[in-house]
Amino acid sequence: MRRSTLDIAEEVRMEIGDPDKVAVSNTLLLKWINAGLEDFVMKTRVLKYVWDFSTVAYQQEYAFPPDLKIIEIRGVTVDGEPIWPTYVEELDLYSRTWRYEAGGPTGKPLFWYISSTHDSEFGLFKCPDDVYSVRCYIDEG
């Protein structure tokens, strides 16, 4: 059975005797879980590449490192919290003005996508309104 990080966090809370979230915040607990997962992934070499970068306020797309040959992006976090994959076509269905240049929403990114015009570019939705730390877990060939 696959469990979410929130399921794991609740199990940890029960183990440490903090079901009411008094001693440890959800944010801190999720950071610990993510750090443990990252440590496991790096030690077992499940993933071959981790790409870290910082966003630039009001810049929506970023070029991948030039020598990177991506097979699959396994996951993306923004400031240690997971964000979810989407497609440009799905965003177009959401709104024709989802891009920042067209007046789209800004804030902490919730989704990531591969650019439909440049497959060497990685995009974020919402468009970042500040500097955020992004980490991409990548299988490369």
Protein backbone atom coordinates (compact mmCIF):
# COMPACT_ATOMS: atom_id res chain seq x y z
CA MET A 1 0.00 0.00 0.00
CA ARG A 2 1.37 3.40 -1.00
CA ARG A 3 1.25 6.06 1.71
CA SER A 4 1.48 9.82 1.37
CA THR A 5 3.95 11.90 3.35
CA LEU A 6 1.02 13.15 5.42
CA ASP A 7 0.14 9.53 6.28
CA ILE A 8 3.74 8.94 7.34
CA ALA A 9 3.73 12.18 9.34
CA GLU A 10 0.61 11.03 11.21
CA GLU A 11 2.28 7.68 12.02
CA VAL A 12 5.37 9.52 13.32
CA ARG A 13 3.14 11.78 15.43
CA MET A 14 1.52 8.74 17.04
CA GLU A 15 4.96 7.17 17.71
CA ILE A 16 6.32 10.30 19.40
CA GLY A 17 3.09 10.95 21.30
CA ASP A 18 2.16 14.22 19.56
CA PRO A 19 -1.22 13.54 17.87
CA ASP A 20 -2.36 17.14 18.50
CA LYS A 21 0.62 18.67 16.63
CA VAL A 22 1.87 20.54 19.68
CA ALA A 23 5.55 19.52 19.85
CA VAL A 24 6.36 19.45 16.12
CA SER A 25 4.73 21.41 13.29
CA ASN A 26 3.62 19.72 10.07
CA THR A 27 6.12 21.85 8.16
CA LEU A 28 9.05 20.71 10.28
CA LEU A 29 7.94 17.07 10.25
CA LEU A 30 7.59 17.09 6.44
CA LYS A 31 11.04 18.68 6.11
CA TRP A 32 12.50 15.83 8.19
CA ILE A 33 10.70 13.21 6.10
CA ASN A 34 11.87 14.83 2.85
CA ALA A 35 15.45 15.05 4.14
CA GLY A 36 15.39 11.34 5.05
CA LEU A 37 13.98 10.43 1.64
CA GLU A 38 16.58 12.57 -0.11
CA ASP A 39 19.36 10.93 1.91
CA PHE A 40 18.03 7.47 1.01
CA VAL A 41 17.75 8.32 -2.68
CA MET A 42 21.27 9.72 -2.87
CA LYS A 43 22.84 6.81 -0.94
CA THR A 44 21.07 4.11 -2.94
CA ARG A 45 21.65 5.93 -6.24
CA VAL A 46 18.01 5.43 -7.23
CA LEU A 47 18.25 8.74 -9.07
CA LYS A 48 21.20 9.81 -11.13
CA TYR A 49 20.93 13.58 -10.95
CA VAL A 50 19.57 16.29 -8.68
CA TRP A 51 19.27 19.76 -10.20
CA ASP A 52 19.02 22.64 -7.72
CA PHE A 53 18.34 26.22 -8.70
CA SER A 54 16.77 29.36 -7.32
CA THR A 55 13.92 31.08 -9.07
CA VAL A 56 14.02 34.65 -10.24
CA ALA A 57 10.97 36.73 -9.38
CA TYR A 58 8.60 36.92 -12.37
CA GLN A 59 10.59 34.48 -14.52
CA GLN A 60 8.45 31.48 -15.44
CA GLU A 61 10.81 29.24 -17.47
CA TYR A 62 14.39 28.06 -16.86
CA ALA A 63 16.92 26.34 -19.13
CA PHE A 64 18.02 22.86 -18.10
CA PRO A 65 21.78 22.37 -17.61
CA PRO A 66 23.21 21.98 -21.16
CA ASP A 67 24.79 18.52 -20.78
CA LEU A 68 21.81 16.96 -19.04
CA LYS A 69 20.09 14.17 -20.98
CA ILE A 70 16.78 13.71 -19.21
CA ILE A 71 14.97 10.38 -19.28
CA GLU A 72 12.41 11.27 -16.63
CA ILE A 73 11.79 13.90 -13.98
CA ARG A 74 10.83 11.93 -10.89
CA GLY A 75 9.83 14.81 -8.66
CA VAL A 76 10.18 18.50 -7.96
CA THR A 77 10.15 20.43 -4.71
CA VAL A 78 9.88 24.16 -4.04
CA ASP A 79 11.32 25.17 -0.68
CA GLY A 80 11.23 21.50 0.30
CA GLU A 81 7.55 20.96 -0.54
CA PRO A 82 6.51 18.80 -3.51
CA ILE A 83 4.85 20.38 -6.53
CA TRP A 84 3.05 18.44 -9.24
CA PRO A 85 3.61 17.88 -12.96
CA THR A 86 1.25 19.33 -15.53
CA TYR A 87 1.20 19.97 -19.27
CA VAL A 88 1.02 23.25 -21.16
CA GLU A 89 -2.16 21.95 -22.81
CA GLU A 90 -3.79 21.47 -19.39
CA LEU A 91 -2.80 24.98 -18.36
CA ASP A 92 -4.26 26.30 -21.64
CA LEU A 93 -7.55 24.61 -20.72
CA TYR A 94 -7.39 26.27 -17.30
CA SER A 95 -6.97 29.73 -18.81
CA ARG A 96 -5.53 31.27 -21.95
CA THR A 97 -3.89 33.88 -19.72
CA TRP A 98 -2.04 31.53 -17.34
CA ARG A 99 1.38 32.76 -18.47
CA TYR A 100 2.90 35.64 -16.53
CA GLU A 101 3.34 37.69 -19.73
CA ALA A 102 -0.43 37.43 -20.30
CA GLY A 103 -1.28 38.57 -16.78
CA GLY A 104 -1.35 35.11 -15.22
CA PRO A 105 -1.18 34.45 -11.48
CA THR A 106 2.01 34.82 -9.49
CA GLY A 107 3.04 33.34 -6.16
CA LYS A 108 4.66 30.19 -4.87
CA PRO A 109 4.71 27.64 -7.73
CA LEU A 110 2.24 24.75 -7.48
CA PHE A 111 3.01 22.86 -10.71
CA TRP A 112 5.92 22.23 -13.10
CA TYR A 113 5.92 21.58 -16.84
CA ILE A 114 8.25 21.15 -19.80
CA SER A 115 7.97 24.05 -22.23
CA SER A 116 5.93 23.27 -25.34
CA THR A 117 8.16 25.49 -27.49
CA HIS A 118 11.58 24.60 -26.04
CA ASP A 119 11.89 21.10 -24.59
CA SER A 120 15.15 22.24 -23.00
CA GLU A 121 13.19 24.55 -20.69
CA PHE A 122 11.47 23.82 -17.42
CA GLY A 123 8.49 25.96 -16.39
CA LEU A 124 6.65 26.75 -13.20
CA PHE A 125 3.02 27.63 -12.55
CA LYS A 126 2.23 29.92 -10.78
CA CYS A 127 4.96 32.23 -11.96
CA PRO A 128 7.32 32.82 -9.00
CA ASP A 129 6.81 36.18 -7.30
CA ASP A 130 9.97 35.82 -5.20
CA VAL A 131 13.13 33.74 -4.88
CA TYR A 132 12.35 30.07 -4.15
CA SER A 133 14.65 27.04 -3.92
CA VAL A 134 13.78 24.41 -6.52
CA ARG A 135 15.07 20.85 -6.55
CA CYS A 136 14.42 18.45 -9.46
CA TYR A 137 15.01 14.70 -9.09
CA ILE A 138 16.00 13.41 -12.52
CA ASP A 139 16.81 10.11 -14.21
CA GLU A 140 19.31 10.86 -16.94
CA GLY A 141 20.74 8.84 -19.76
